[in-house]
Amino acid sequence: MTSPTTLHRSFRPRARQLEGIIGKRGDAPYRSGRSPDWIELKCKSRQGFVIGGFSRVKGAKSGVRSLLLGVYEEDGSLRHAGNVAPHFTPSHAAAFAKRAESPRQKKSAFYTTPTPERDRDFH
């Protein structure tokens, strides 16, 4: 029997834009139609992220290739959680980059500095 947590991790319903997973109690026989033996496992957990930086193609003066996301740990430090493609319009990308570079820091906002992909620079 598989735990609900394992099911959610395996099927990743949120990544597939699903509301949840329908399952059957392990000790119940299969029957078609609605039954109290069927259970719904809804996606309820949410995670807030902050933008700790961005990447662009190496050597490029403008544009945003990806956003570097982080989560705050209990001690207040910022941990790199991953990158996402922002799907900005060119004008939104330029406006974001301008705002992001104005208070530019020399040191990474993350306590573990992510390694850029071969063709990208982090900002």
Protein backbone atom coordinates (compact mmCIF):
# COMPACT_ATOMS: atom_id res chain seq x y z
CA MET A 1 0.00 0.00 0.00
CA THR A 2 1.29 3.44 -0.91
CA SER A 3 1.06 6.40 1.45
CA PRO A 4 -0.75 9.58 0.32
CA THR A 5 2.51 11.54 0.59
CA THR A 6 4.30 9.07 -1.69
CA LEU A 7 1.42 9.23 -4.19
CA HIS A 8 1.58 13.02 -4.33
CA ARG A 9 5.34 12.96 -4.83
CA SER A 10 5.08 10.29 -7.54
CA PHE A 11 2.26 11.79 -9.57
CA ARG A 12 3.07 15.45 -8.87
CA PRO A 13 -0.55 16.52 -9.42
CA ARG A 14 0.17 20.22 -8.87
CA ALA A 15 2.84 20.21 -11.60
CA ARG A 16 0.25 18.68 -13.93
CA GLN A 17 -2.25 21.37 -12.88
CA LEU A 18 -4.54 18.79 -11.26
CA GLU A 19 -6.68 19.45 -8.23
CA GLY A 20 -5.64 16.19 -6.56
CA ILE A 21 -5.70 12.40 -6.81
CA ILE A 22 -8.61 9.97 -6.38
CA GLY A 23 -7.72 6.70 -4.68
CA LYS A 24 -9.37 3.60 -3.27
CA ARG A 25 -8.95 2.30 0.23
CA GLY A 26 -6.48 -0.56 0.12
CA ASP A 27 -8.72 -3.08 1.88
CA ALA A 28 -11.80 -2.41 -0.29
CA PRO A 29 -12.73 -4.27 -3.50
CA TYR A 30 -12.90 -2.32 -6.74
CA ARG A 31 -16.42 -1.15 -7.64
CA SER A 32 -17.32 1.28 -10.40
CA GLY A 33 -19.22 4.42 -9.51
CA ARG A 34 -19.17 6.52 -6.36
CA SER A 35 -18.37 4.74 -3.13
CA PRO A 36 -17.22 5.65 0.38
CA ASP A 37 -14.19 3.47 -0.41
CA TRP A 38 -12.94 6.10 -2.85
CA ILE A 39 -10.92 8.90 -1.27
CA GLU A 40 -9.86 12.26 -2.67
CA LEU A 41 -6.37 13.53 -1.89
CA LYS A 42 -6.45 17.27 -2.59
CA CYS A 43 -3.38 19.41 -3.13
CA LYS A 44 -3.37 21.70 -0.13
CA SER A 45 0.21 22.59 0.65
CA ARG A 46 1.55 25.84 -0.70
CA GLN A 47 4.99 27.34 -0.60
CA GLY A 48 5.96 30.99 -0.80
CA PHE A 49 9.14 31.95 -2.65
CA VAL A 50 11.20 35.10 -2.98
CA ILE A 51 13.23 36.15 -6.01
CA GLY A 52 16.88 36.16 -4.98
CA GLY A 53 18.34 36.83 -8.41
CA PHE A 54 18.03 36.11 -12.10
CA SER A 55 20.07 34.69 -14.95
CA ARG A 56 20.65 35.82 -18.49
CA VAL A 57 22.56 34.43 -21.43
CA LYS A 58 26.30 34.78 -20.79
CA GLY A 59 27.58 38.12 -22.06
CA ALA A 60 24.11 39.57 -22.71
CA LYS A 61 23.50 43.12 -21.52
CA SER A 62 19.74 42.70 -21.13
CA GLY A 63 17.00 40.11 -20.88
CA VAL A 64 16.01 37.60 -18.22
CA ARG A 65 16.47 33.89 -18.85
CA SER A 66 15.28 32.60 -15.47
CA LEU A 67 14.40 33.77 -11.96
CA LEU A 68 16.32 32.31 -9.02
CA LEU A 69 13.85 31.45 -6.27
CA GLY A 70 14.59 30.99 -2.60
CA VAL A 71 12.85 30.08 0.63
CA TYR A 72 13.66 31.43 4.06
CA GLU A 73 14.90 28.90 6.60
CA GLU A 74 13.91 29.08 10.27
CA ASP A 75 17.17 30.91 11.08
CA GLY A 76 16.33 33.63 8.52
CA SER A 77 18.85 32.55 5.88
CA LEU A 78 17.73 32.31 2.26
CA ARG A 79 18.11 28.89 0.59
CA HIS A 80 18.11 28.53 -3.20
CA ALA A 81 15.02 26.46 -4.13
CA GLY A 82 15.27 26.42 -7.92
CA ASN A 83 14.87 28.42 -11.08
CA VAL A 84 11.79 29.23 -13.14
CA ALA A 85 11.32 30.69 -16.60
CA PRO A 86 9.44 33.98 -16.17
CA HIS A 87 7.77 34.19 -19.63
CA PHE A 88 8.11 37.97 -19.56
CA THR A 89 7.33 40.10 -22.57
CA PRO A 90 10.49 41.91 -23.75
CA SER A 91 9.35 45.15 -22.12
CA HIS A 92 8.54 43.42 -18.81
CA ALA A 93 11.92 41.64 -18.86
CA ALA A 94 13.73 44.94 -19.38
CA ALA A 95 11.75 46.63 -16.59
CA PHE A 96 12.41 43.72 -14.22
CA ALA A 97 16.14 43.65 -14.96
CA LYS A 98 16.41 47.41 -14.45
CA ARG A 99 14.70 47.19 -11.05
CA ALA A 100 16.64 44.07 -10.04
CA GLU A 101 20.03 45.58 -10.85
CA SER A 102 19.52 48.94 -9.15
CA PRO A 103 20.23 47.72 -5.58
CA ARG A 104 22.72 45.15 -6.89
CA GLN A 105 24.77 43.25 -4.31
CA LYS A 106 28.22 41.79 -4.86
CA LYS A 107 27.39 38.75 -2.73
CA SER A 108 24.67 36.18 -3.45
CA ALA A 109 21.46 36.50 -1.45
CA PHE A 110 21.50 32.71 -0.96
CA TYR A 111 23.60 31.03 1.72
CA THR A 112 24.41 28.31 -0.80
CA THR A 113 25.27 29.99 -4.08
CA PRO A 114 23.68 28.17 -7.03
CA THR A 115 25.96 27.22 -9.91
CA PRO A 116 24.96 28.86 -13.20
CA GLU A 117 24.41 26.73 -16.27
CA ARG A 118 27.23 26.81 -18.79
CA ASP A 119 25.73 29.51 -21.02
CA ARG A 120 24.32 31.78 -18.28
CA ASP A 121 25.40 34.43 -15.80
CA PHE A 122 23.64 35.07 -12.50
CA HIS A 123 22.71 38.55 -11.36
